Amino acid sequence: MNIQNISVAGAVTYWKLGWANRRQLILESEDRGISGSWVPAARADIAVLKSILDLHFGQKEDLIRPLKGRVGYEVVRETRGDDRNGYGHVVTITVENGIVERDDGQPDAVLQNQFDEYKDLLSNEALSGGLVRYVAALGGVPLRPSGAVYWIPEDRLAQWSQVSSAVEAATVVGEPSVYILRTQFDEALVRAVRDGVTSEVESKIGDLEDDMNRTDLGERAFKGRIEMAREARQKLKRYERDLEVSLSTLSDRLVELETQAAQAAILASARAAAERKAS
């Protein structure tokens, strides 16, 4: 972990990742007092199988094609010709209930061992997605529209540091680093964090406004939208206090959306009751 101490108001964070052992990451998190529930789910069998087939059939003339009716792939070898190309079946590999089998229905010990090993690994993309969600749960905000660089409030930094060290300890491929850079909380940084919060909340408001026009959502879904709007409003209040800026326009829009969602929930409940009565 790389920490540059400059100020005490919060920190900018970003990372580079490798492949991590999922079980170890859960244990490393829990050893540091962090619930392992933040760790991304294990990869789907079809994705794991593709990873190991890429290792065994990585020649450019080998084509690995998914099957339609089963979880698996057929490996086809392409032969270039003057007038047409030829395609020959090499092998079909499937996986069911974690068991890897070849065409003849027999287990393949080599592929099975690799499948079991890869099943417990998280790719850097999956791990990064988990970290992004954790940053959001801590009340952090992206400082770039595409993410990748985030601001973490001071009172959440200790928790973030524990997650960061757990990631580094559980990495088995690559040399990961989660960088935490303290910087001067000046006018420029206030503007950057404010813009990040504004962009994030405006995106959420847009999604909520779209949902208010949907007719396929039920009472429970609209109650979930109320909670989303409330959480966004609470986040705004916290940053208004910390940054000493006004974000009241966004707060007012969220209050309006909470009201609309509450009304929509009532209508959805009445509609569902009428449909039950009619049936």
C-alpha atoms as a PDB file:
ATOM      1  CA  MET A   1       0.000   0.000   0.000  1.00  0.00           C
ATOM      2  CA  ASN A   2       1.335   3.437  -0.964  1.00  0.00           C
ATOM      3  CA  ILE A   3       0.400   6.385   1.277  1.00  0.00           C
ATOM      4  CA  GLN A   4       1.681   9.915   0.860  1.00  0.00           C
ATOM      5  CA  ASN A   5       0.834  12.006   3.928  1.00  0.00           C
ATOM      6  CA  ILE A   6       0.119  15.627   3.124  1.00  0.00           C
ATOM      7  CA  SER A   7      -3.143  16.623   4.802  1.00  0.00           C
ATOM      8  CA  VAL A   8      -5.884  15.233   7.048  1.00  0.00           C
ATOM      9  CA  ALA A   9      -9.148  16.054   5.279  1.00  0.00           C
ATOM     10  CA  GLY A  10      -9.471  12.938   3.183  1.00  0.00           C
ATOM     11  CA  ALA A  11      -7.604  11.283   0.346  1.00  0.00           C
ATOM     12  CA  VAL A  12      -7.559  10.488  -3.328  1.00  0.00           C
ATOM     13  CA  THR A  13      -7.389   6.786  -4.115  1.00  0.00           C
ATOM     14  CA  TYR A  14      -6.812   4.697  -7.211  1.00  0.00           C
ATOM     15  CA  TRP A  15      -5.388   1.260  -7.888  1.00  0.00           C
ATOM     16  CA  LYS A  16      -3.760  -1.270 -10.151  1.00  0.00           C
ATOM     17  CA  LEU A  17      -4.756  -4.892  -9.579  1.00  0.00           C
ATOM     18  CA  GLY A  18      -3.880  -8.483 -10.372  1.00  0.00           C
ATOM     19  CA  TRP A  19      -5.753 -11.741  -9.869  1.00  0.00           C
ATOM     20  CA  ALA A  20      -6.799 -12.436  -6.287  1.00  0.00           C
ATOM     21  CA  ASN A  21      -7.770 -15.608  -4.442  1.00  0.00           C
ATOM     22  CA  ARG A  22     -11.412 -15.081  -3.505  1.00  0.00           C
ATOM     23  CA  ARG A  23     -11.464 -17.226  -0.349  1.00  0.00           C
ATOM     24  CA  GLN A  24      -8.269 -15.649   0.913  1.00  0.00           C
ATOM     25  CA  LEU A  25      -9.649 -12.184   0.212  1.00  0.00           C
ATOM     26  CA  ILE A  26     -12.697 -12.911   2.359  1.00  0.00           C
ATOM     27  CA  LEU A  27     -10.500 -14.201   5.179  1.00  0.00           C
ATOM     28  CA  GLU A  28      -8.059 -11.291   4.889  1.00  0.00           C
ATOM     29  CA  SER A  29     -10.966  -8.844   5.052  1.00  0.00           C
ATOM     30  CA  GLU A  30     -12.543 -10.508   8.061  1.00  0.00           C
ATOM     31  CA  ASP A  31      -9.187 -10.666   9.866  1.00  0.00           C
ATOM     32  CA  ARG A  32      -9.104  -6.873   9.526  1.00  0.00           C
ATOM     33  CA  GLY A  33     -12.607  -6.405  10.867  1.00  0.00           C
ATOM     34  CA  ILE A  34     -14.229  -5.948   7.442  1.00  0.00           C
ATOM     35  CA  SER A  35     -17.202  -8.095   6.419  1.00  0.00           C
ATOM     36  CA  GLY A  36     -16.317 -10.358   3.498  1.00  0.00           C
ATOM     37  CA  SER A  37     -19.695  -9.632   1.911  1.00  0.00           C
ATOM     38  CA  TRP A  38     -18.081  -6.908  -0.229  1.00  0.00           C
ATOM     39  CA  VAL A  39     -15.986  -9.483  -2.105  1.00  0.00           C
ATOM     40  CA  PRO A  40     -17.366 -10.127  -5.612  1.00  0.00           C
ATOM     41  CA  ALA A  41     -19.112 -13.416  -6.313  1.00  0.00           C
ATOM     42  CA  ALA A  42     -17.187 -16.306  -7.825  1.00  0.00           C
ATOM     43  CA  ARG A  43     -16.977 -16.261 -11.596  1.00  0.00           C
ATOM     44  CA  ALA A  44     -19.573 -18.158 -13.602  1.00  0.00           C
ATOM     45  CA  ASP A  45     -18.586 -21.666 -14.727  1.00  0.00           C
ATOM     46  CA  ILE A  46     -18.729 -20.684 -18.397  1.00  0.00           C
ATOM     47  CA  ALA A  47     -16.216 -17.848 -17.852  1.00  0.00           C
ATOM     48  CA  VAL A  48     -13.862 -20.075 -15.851  1.00  0.00           C
ATOM     49  CA  LEU A  49     -13.985 -22.784 -18.511  1.00  0.00           C
ATOM     50  CA  LYS A  50     -13.163 -20.255 -21.237  1.00  0.00           C
ATOM     51  CA  SER A  51     -10.113 -19.100 -19.266  1.00  0.00           C
ATOM     52  CA  ILE A  52      -8.592 -22.554 -19.044  1.00  0.00           C
ATOM     53  CA  LEU A  53      -9.433 -23.450 -22.644  1.00  0.00           C
ATOM     54  CA  ASP A  54      -7.605 -20.314 -23.742  1.00  0.00           C
ATOM     55  CA  LEU A  55      -4.530 -21.727 -22.017  1.00  0.00           C
ATOM     56  CA  HIS A  56      -4.732 -25.086 -23.786  1.00  0.00           C
ATOM     57  CA  PHE A  57      -5.939 -23.971 -27.199  1.00  0.00           C
ATOM     58  CA  GLY A  58      -4.296 -20.608 -27.647  1.00  0.00           C
ATOM     59  CA  GLN A  59      -3.076 -21.068 -31.216  1.00  0.00           C
ATOM     60  CA  LYS A  60      -4.550 -18.573 -33.655  1.00  0.00           C
ATOM     61  CA  GLU A  61      -5.972 -21.386 -35.813  1.00  0.00           C
ATOM     62  CA  ASP A  62      -7.957 -22.759 -32.850  1.00  0.00           C
ATOM     63  CA  LEU A  63     -11.471 -21.371 -32.511  1.00  0.00           C
ATOM     64  CA  ILE A  64     -13.279 -21.763 -29.189  1.00  0.00           C
ATOM     65  CA  ARG A  65     -17.027 -21.517 -29.727  1.00  0.00           C
ATOM     66  CA  PRO A  66     -19.788 -21.659 -27.067  1.00  0.00           C
ATOM     67  CA  LEU A  67     -22.451 -24.348 -27.208  1.00  0.00           C
ATOM     68  CA  LYS A  68     -26.111 -23.415 -27.409  1.00  0.00           C
ATOM     69  CA  GLY A  69     -27.731 -25.963 -25.118  1.00  0.00           C
ATOM     70  CA  ARG A  70     -24.993 -26.719 -22.577  1.00  0.00           C
ATOM     71  CA  VAL A  71     -22.408 -24.874 -20.513  1.00  0.00           C
ATOM     72  CA  GLY A  72     -19.354 -25.547 -22.606  1.00  0.00           C
ATOM     73  CA  TYR A  73     -17.372 -24.972 -25.765  1.00  0.00           C
ATOM     74  CA  GLU A  74     -16.372 -26.750 -28.932  1.00  0.00           C
ATOM     75  CA  VAL A  75     -12.796 -26.276 -30.083  1.00  0.00           C
ATOM     76  CA  VAL A  76     -12.528 -26.108 -33.857  1.00  0.00           C
ATOM     77  CA  ARG A  77      -9.269 -25.951 -35.802  1.00  0.00           C
ATOM     78  CA  GLU A  78      -9.261 -23.775 -38.903  1.00  0.00           C
ATOM     79  CA  THR A  79      -7.180 -24.752 -41.924  1.00  0.00           C
ATOM     80  CA  ARG A  80      -6.592 -21.989 -44.428  1.00  0.00           C
ATOM     81  CA  GLY A  81      -7.086 -22.888 -48.084  1.00  0.00           C
ATOM     82  CA  ASP A  82      -6.721 -21.136 -51.429  1.00  0.00           C
ATOM     83  CA  ASP A  83     -10.438 -21.188 -52.220  1.00  0.00           C
ATOM     84  CA  ARG A  84     -12.031 -21.998 -48.877  1.00  0.00           C
ATOM     85  CA  ASN A  85     -11.064 -22.705 -45.305  1.00  0.00           C
ATOM     86  CA  GLY A  86     -11.555 -26.026 -43.607  1.00  0.00           C
ATOM     87  CA  TYR A  87     -12.847 -26.513 -40.075  1.00  0.00           C
ATOM     88  CA  GLY A  88     -12.193 -29.646 -38.071  1.00  0.00           C
ATOM     89  CA  HIS A  89     -13.602 -30.616 -34.707  1.00  0.00           C
ATOM     90  CA  VAL A  90     -10.919 -30.913 -32.028  1.00  0.00           C
ATOM     91  CA  VAL A  91     -12.811 -31.440 -28.795  1.00  0.00           C
ATOM     92  CA  THR A  92     -15.941 -30.418 -26.920  1.00  0.00           C
ATOM     93  CA  ILE A  93     -15.552 -29.528 -23.247  1.00  0.00           C
ATOM     94  CA  THR A  94     -18.514 -28.996 -20.938  1.00  0.00           C
ATOM     95  CA  VAL A  95     -18.980 -28.299 -17.238  1.00  0.00           C
ATOM     96  CA  GLU A  96     -21.951 -29.294 -15.104  1.00  0.00           C
ATOM     97  CA  ASN A  97     -22.157 -28.933 -11.328  1.00  0.00           C
ATOM     98  CA  GLY A  98     -18.469 -28.061 -11.313  1.00  0.00           C
ATOM     99  CA  ILE A  99     -17.465 -31.267 -13.178  1.00  0.00           C
ATOM    100  CA  VAL A 100     -15.490 -30.804 -16.401  1.00  0.00           C
ATOM    101  CA  GLU A 101     -16.026 -33.433 -19.114  1.00  0.00           C
ATOM    102  CA  ARG A 102     -14.811 -34.095 -22.637  1.00  0.00           C
ATOM    103  CA  ASP A 103     -16.774 -35.392 -25.660  1.00  0.00           C
ATOM    104  CA  ASP A 104     -16.902 -38.971 -24.405  1.00  0.00           C
ATOM    105  CA  GLY A 105     -18.363 -37.945 -21.046  1.00  0.00           C
ATOM    106  CA  GLN A 106     -15.174 -38.799 -19.188  1.00  0.00           C
ATOM    107  CA  PRO A 107     -13.653 -36.424 -16.617  1.00  0.00           C
ATOM    108  CA  ASP A 108     -10.449 -34.635 -17.522  1.00  0.00           C
ATOM    109  CA  ALA A 109      -8.168 -34.463 -14.472  1.00  0.00           C
ATOM    110  CA  VAL A 110      -5.884 -31.741 -15.850  1.00  0.00           C
ATOM    111  CA  LEU A 111      -8.708 -29.449 -16.912  1.00  0.00           C
ATOM    112  CA  GLN A 112     -10.611 -30.221 -13.709  1.00  0.00           C
ATOM    113  CA  ASN A 113      -7.703 -29.201 -11.506  1.00  0.00           C
ATOM    114  CA  GLN A 114      -7.246 -25.983 -13.424  1.00  0.00           C
ATOM    115  CA  PHE A 115     -10.977 -25.300 -13.352  1.00  0.00           C
ATOM    116  CA  ASP A 116     -11.060 -25.688  -9.557  1.00  0.00           C
ATOM    117  CA  GLU A 117      -8.054 -23.378  -9.233  1.00  0.00           C
ATOM    118  CA  TYR A 118      -9.441 -20.678 -11.545  1.00  0.00           C
ATOM    119  CA  LYS A 119     -12.933 -20.898 -10.061  1.00  0.00           C
ATOM    120  CA  ASP A 120     -11.554 -19.453  -6.841  1.00  0.00           C
ATOM    121  CA  LEU A 121      -9.772 -16.563  -8.561  1.00  0.00           C
ATOM    122  CA  LEU A 122     -11.117 -13.074  -9.167  1.00  0.00           C
ATOM    123  CA  SER A 123      -9.977 -11.227 -12.262  1.00  0.00           C
ATOM    124  CA  ASN A 124      -8.681  -7.680 -11.899  1.00  0.00           C
ATOM    125  CA  GLU A 125     -11.853  -6.435 -13.628  1.00  0.00           C
ATOM    126  CA  ALA A 126     -14.133  -8.225 -11.162  1.00  0.00           C
ATOM    127  CA  LEU A 127     -12.048  -7.086  -8.215  1.00  0.00           C
ATOM    128  CA  SER A 128     -12.042  -3.500  -9.445  1.00  0.00           C
ATOM    129  CA  GLY A 129     -15.835  -3.598  -9.689  1.00  0.00           C
ATOM    130  CA  GLY A 130     -15.996  -4.728  -6.067  1.00  0.00           C
ATOM    131  CA  LEU A 131     -13.727  -1.893  -4.972  1.00  0.00           C
ATOM    132  CA  VAL A 132     -15.813   0.666  -6.855  1.00  0.00           C
ATOM    133  CA  ARG A 133     -18.940  -0.540  -5.061  1.00  0.00           C
ATOM    134  CA  TYR A 134     -17.105  -0.409  -1.731  1.00  0.00           C
ATOM    135  CA  VAL A 135     -15.968   3.164  -2.383  1.00  0.00           C
ATOM    136  CA  ALA A 136     -19.603   4.103  -3.020  1.00  0.00           C
ATOM    137  CA  ALA A 137     -20.672   2.385   0.214  1.00  0.00           C
ATOM    138  CA  LEU A 138     -18.098   4.480   2.100  1.00  0.00           C
ATOM    139  CA  GLY A 139     -19.544   7.666   0.659  1.00  0.00           C
ATOM    140  CA  GLY A 140     -16.644   8.212  -1.721  1.00  0.00           C
ATOM    141  CA  VAL A 141     -17.106   9.890  -5.086  1.00  0.00           C
ATOM    142  CA  PRO A 142     -15.434   9.503  -8.481  1.00  0.00           C
ATOM    143  CA  LEU A 143     -13.279  12.446  -9.480  1.00  0.00           C
ATOM    144  CA  ARG A 144     -13.373  11.476 -13.173  1.00  0.00           C
ATOM    145  CA  PRO A 145     -16.517  10.784 -15.250  1.00  0.00           C
ATOM    146  CA  SER A 146     -15.180   7.335 -16.110  1.00  0.00           C
ATOM    147  CA  GLY A 147     -14.159   6.551 -12.528  1.00  0.00           C
ATOM    148  CA  ALA A 148     -10.666   5.173 -11.803  1.00  0.00           C
ATOM    149  CA  VAL A 149      -9.842   8.006  -9.355  1.00  0.00           C
ATOM    150  CA  TYR A 150     -11.922   8.511  -6.208  1.00  0.00           C
ATOM    151  CA  TRP A 151     -12.167  10.736  -3.148  1.00  0.00           C
ATOM    152  CA  ILE A 152     -12.541   9.053   0.255  1.00  0.00           C
ATOM    153  CA  PRO A 153     -13.699  11.131   3.270  1.00  0.00           C
ATOM    154  CA  GLU A 154     -11.325  11.242   6.224  1.00  0.00           C
ATOM    155  CA  ASP A 155     -13.621   9.358   8.599  1.00  0.00           C
ATOM    156  CA  ARG A 156     -13.738   6.370   6.212  1.00  0.00           C
ATOM    157  CA  LEU A 157     -10.042   6.158   5.407  1.00  0.00           C
ATOM    158  CA  ALA A 158      -9.145   3.656   8.143  1.00  0.00           C
ATOM    159  CA  GLN A 159     -11.785   1.254   6.824  1.00  0.00           C
ATOM    160  CA  TRP A 160     -10.618   1.764   3.243  1.00  0.00           C
ATOM    161  CA  SER A 161      -7.017   1.111   4.234  1.00  0.00           C
ATOM    162  CA  GLN A 162      -8.020  -2.251   5.729  1.00  0.00           C
ATOM    163  CA  VAL A 163      -9.761  -3.270   2.510  1.00  0.00           C
ATOM    164  CA  SER A 164      -6.752  -2.103   0.504  1.00  0.00           C
ATOM    165  CA  SER A 165      -4.323  -4.187   2.519  1.00  0.00           C
ATOM    166  CA  ALA A 166      -6.629  -7.225   2.281  1.00  0.00           C
ATOM    167  CA  VAL A 167      -6.619  -6.943  -1.519  1.00  0.00           C
ATOM    168  CA  GLU A 168      -2.855  -6.754  -1.660  1.00  0.00           C
ATOM    169  CA  ALA A 169      -2.465  -9.725   0.710  1.00  0.00           C
ATOM    170  CA  ALA A 170      -4.870 -11.923  -1.289  1.00  0.00           C
ATOM    171  CA  THR A 171      -3.403 -11.232  -4.739  1.00  0.00           C
ATOM    172  CA  VAL A 172      -1.763 -14.281  -6.310  1.00  0.00           C
ATOM    173  CA  VAL A 173      -0.965 -13.001  -9.820  1.00  0.00           C
ATOM    174  CA  GLY A 174       0.513  -9.573 -10.457  1.00  0.00           C
ATOM    175  CA  GLU A 175       1.819  -6.815  -8.239  1.00  0.00           C
ATOM    176  CA  PRO A 176      -1.187  -4.833  -6.988  1.00  0.00           C
ATOM    177  CA  SER A 177      -1.155  -1.446  -5.336  1.00  0.00           C
ATOM    178  CA  VAL A 178      -4.009   0.544  -3.875  1.00  0.00           C
ATOM    179  CA  TYR A 179      -2.749   4.107  -3.693  1.00  0.00           C
ATOM    180  CA  ILE A 180      -3.995   6.514  -1.043  1.00  0.00           C
ATOM    181  CA  LEU A 181      -2.747  10.040  -1.632  1.00  0.00           C
ATOM    182  CA  ARG A 182      -3.436  12.752   0.886  1.00  0.00           C
ATOM    183  CA  THR A 183      -3.522  16.186  -0.666  1.00  0.00           C
ATOM    184  CA  GLN A 184      -4.141  19.778   0.319  1.00  0.00           C
ATOM    185  CA  PHE A 185      -7.871  20.384   0.735  1.00  0.00           C
ATOM    186  CA  ASP A 186      -7.854  23.697  -1.108  1.00  0.00           C
ATOM    187  CA  GLU A 187     -10.334  25.458  -3.372  1.00  0.00           C
ATOM    188  CA  ALA A 188      -9.373  23.343  -6.389  1.00  0.00           C
ATOM    189  CA  LEU A 189      -9.959  20.093  -4.545  1.00  0.00           C
ATOM    190  CA  VAL A 190     -13.259  21.356  -3.148  1.00  0.00           C
ATOM    191  CA  ARG A 191     -14.374  22.037  -6.707  1.00  0.00           C
ATOM    192  CA  ALA A 192     -13.213  18.611  -7.913  1.00  0.00           C
ATOM    193  CA  VAL A 193     -15.028  16.764  -5.129  1.00  0.00           C
ATOM    194  CA  ARG A 194     -18.150  18.922  -5.514  1.00  0.00           C
ATOM    195  CA  ASP A 195     -18.219  18.259  -9.258  1.00  0.00           C
ATOM    196  CA  GLY A 196     -17.761  14.547  -8.612  1.00  0.00           C
ATOM    197  CA  VAL A 197     -20.674  14.453  -6.164  1.00  0.00           C
ATOM    198  CA  THR A 198     -22.836  16.521  -8.504  1.00  0.00           C
ATOM    199  CA  SER A 199     -22.125  14.294 -11.504  1.00  0.00           C
ATOM    200  CA  GLU A 200     -22.822  11.119  -9.541  1.00  0.00           C
ATOM    201  CA  VAL A 201     -26.105  12.389  -8.078  1.00  0.00           C
ATOM    202  CA  GLU A 202     -27.287  13.862 -11.385  1.00  0.00           C
ATOM    203  CA  SER A 203     -26.783  10.452 -12.997  1.00  0.00           C
ATOM    204  CA  LYS A 204     -28.795   8.811 -10.233  1.00  0.00           C
ATOM    205  CA  ILE A 205     -31.524  11.445 -10.580  1.00  0.00           C
ATOM    206  CA  GLY A 206     -31.719  10.716 -14.310  1.00  0.00           C
ATOM    207  CA  ASP A 207     -32.175   7.000 -13.624  1.00  0.00           C
ATOM    208  CA  LEU A 208     -34.862   7.719 -11.026  1.00  0.00           C
ATOM    209  CA  GLU A 209     -36.703  10.083 -13.356  1.00  0.00           C
ATOM    210  CA  ASP A 210     -36.727   7.394 -16.032  1.00  0.00           C
ATOM    211  CA  ASP A 211     -38.114   4.904 -13.513  1.00  0.00           C
ATOM    212  CA  MET A 212     -40.983   7.225 -12.623  1.00  0.00           C
ATOM    213  CA  ASN A 213     -42.261   6.823 -16.197  1.00  0.00           C
ATOM    214  CA  ARG A 214     -42.202   3.022 -16.112  1.00  0.00           C
ATOM    215  CA  THR A 215     -45.402   1.011 -15.836  1.00  0.00           C
ATOM    216  CA  ASP A 216     -43.816  -2.366 -15.123  1.00  0.00           C
ATOM    217  CA  LEU A 217     -42.568  -1.580 -11.608  1.00  0.00           C
ATOM    218  CA  GLY A 218     -44.452  -2.720  -8.527  1.00  0.00           C
ATOM    219  CA  GLU A 219     -44.856  -1.311  -5.031  1.00  0.00           C
ATOM    220  CA  ARG A 220     -41.678  -2.918  -3.735  1.00  0.00           C
ATOM    221  CA  ALA A 221     -39.611  -1.548  -6.616  1.00  0.00           C
ATOM    222  CA  PHE A 222     -40.877   1.988  -6.057  1.00  0.00           C
ATOM    223  CA  LYS A 223     -40.126   1.725  -2.327  1.00  0.00           C
ATOM    224  CA  GLY A 224     -36.596   0.774  -3.339  1.00  0.00           C
ATOM    225  CA  ARG A 225     -36.426   3.931  -5.461  1.00  0.00           C
ATOM    226  CA  ILE A 226     -37.512   5.977  -2.426  1.00  0.00           C
ATOM    227  CA  GLU A 227     -34.596   4.533  -0.474  1.00  0.00           C
ATOM    228  CA  MET A 228     -32.179   5.278  -3.343  1.00  0.00           C
ATOM    229  CA  ALA A 229     -33.291   8.912  -3.431  1.00  0.00           C
ATOM    230  CA  ARG A 230     -33.045   9.184   0.357  1.00  0.00           C
ATOM    231  CA  GLU A 231     -29.522   7.764   0.428  1.00  0.00           C
ATOM    232  CA  ALA A 232     -28.423  10.152  -2.325  1.00  0.00           C
ATOM    233  CA  ARG A 233     -29.896  13.080  -0.396  1.00  0.00           C
ATOM    234  CA  GLN A 234     -28.083  12.032   2.772  1.00  0.00           C
ATOM    235  CA  LYS A 235     -24.828  11.865   0.848  1.00  0.00           C
ATOM    236  CA  LEU A 236     -25.418  15.367  -0.475  1.00  0.00           C
ATOM    237  CA  LYS A 237     -26.002  16.678   3.036  1.00  0.00           C
ATOM    238  CA  ARG A 238     -22.759  15.149   4.247  1.00  0.00           C
ATOM    239  CA  TYR A 239     -20.739  16.750   1.440  1.00  0.00           C
ATOM    240  CA  GLU A 240     -22.526  20.078   1.834  1.00  0.00           C
ATOM    241  CA  ARG A 241     -21.350  20.068   5.433  1.00  0.00           C
ATOM    242  CA  ASP A 242     -17.801  18.902   4.711  1.00  0.00           C
ATOM    243  CA  LEU A 243     -17.234  21.138   1.687  1.00  0.00           C
ATOM    244  CA  GLU A 244     -19.224  24.087   3.010  1.00  0.00           C
ATOM    245  CA  VAL A 245     -21.050  24.416  -0.320  1.00  0.00           C
ATOM    246  CA  SER A 246     -24.729  24.421  -1.265  1.00  0.00           C
ATOM    247  CA  LEU A 247     -26.167  21.535  -3.285  1.00  0.00           C
ATOM    248  CA  SER A 248     -29.767  22.387  -2.491  1.00  0.00           C
ATOM    249  CA  THR A 249     -30.950  22.250  -6.103  1.00  0.00           C
ATOM    250  CA  LEU A 250     -30.066  18.575  -6.303  1.00  0.00           C
ATOM    251  CA  SER A 251     -31.556  17.939  -2.851  1.00  0.00           C
ATOM    252  CA  ASP A 252     -34.840  19.543  -3.934  1.00  0.00           C
ATOM    253  CA  ARG A 253     -34.992  17.318  -7.018  1.00  0.00           C
ATOM    254  CA  LEU A 254     -34.411  14.234  -4.864  1.00  0.00           C
ATOM    255  CA  VAL A 255     -37.178  15.259  -2.437  1.00  0.00           C
ATOM    256  CA  GLU A 256     -39.525  15.612  -5.393  1.00  0.00           C
ATOM    257  CA  LEU A 257     -38.538  12.188  -6.681  1.00  0.00           C
ATOM    258  CA  GLU A 258     -39.108  10.645  -3.233  1.00  0.00           C
ATOM    259  CA  THR A 259     -42.624  12.082  -3.299  1.00  0.00           C
ATOM    260  CA  GLN A 260     -43.280  10.810  -6.822  1.00  0.00           C
ATOM    261  CA  ALA A 261     -41.984   7.349  -5.923  1.00  0.00           C
ATOM    262  CA  ALA A 262     -44.198   7.247  -2.814  1.00  0.00           C
ATOM    263  CA  GLN A 263     -47.242   8.126  -4.900  1.00  0.00           C
ATOM    264  CA  ALA A 264     -46.259   5.557  -7.535  1.00  0.00           C
ATOM    265  CA  ALA A 265     -45.888   2.896  -4.819  1.00  0.00           C
ATOM    266  CA  ILE A 266     -49.427   3.593  -3.589  1.00  0.00           C
ATOM    267  CA  LEU A 267     -50.832   3.368  -7.118  1.00  0.00           C
ATOM    268  CA  ALA A 268     -48.899   0.174  -7.826  1.00  0.00           C
ATOM    269  CA  SER A 269     -50.232  -1.389  -4.625  1.00  0.00           C
ATOM    270  CA  ALA A 270     -53.806  -0.444  -5.531  1.00  0.00           C
ATOM    271  CA  ARG A 271     -53.350  -1.773  -9.060  1.00  0.00           C
ATOM    272  CA  ALA A 272     -51.996  -5.091  -7.773  1.00  0.00           C
ATOM    273  CA  ALA A 273     -54.921  -5.407  -5.311  1.00  0.00           C
ATOM    274  CA  ALA A 274     -57.436  -4.775  -8.111  1.00  0.00           C
ATOM    275  CA  GLU A 275     -55.760  -7.393 -10.316  1.00  0.00           C
ATOM    276  CA  ARG A 276     -55.873  -9.954  -7.494  1.00  0.00           C
ATOM    277  CA  LYS A 277     -59.530  -9.217  -6.876  1.00  0.00           C
ATOM    278  CA  ALA A 278     -60.337  -9.560 -10.583  1.00  0.00           C
ATOM    279  CA  SER A 279     -58.629 -12.931 -10.800  1.00  0.00           C
END
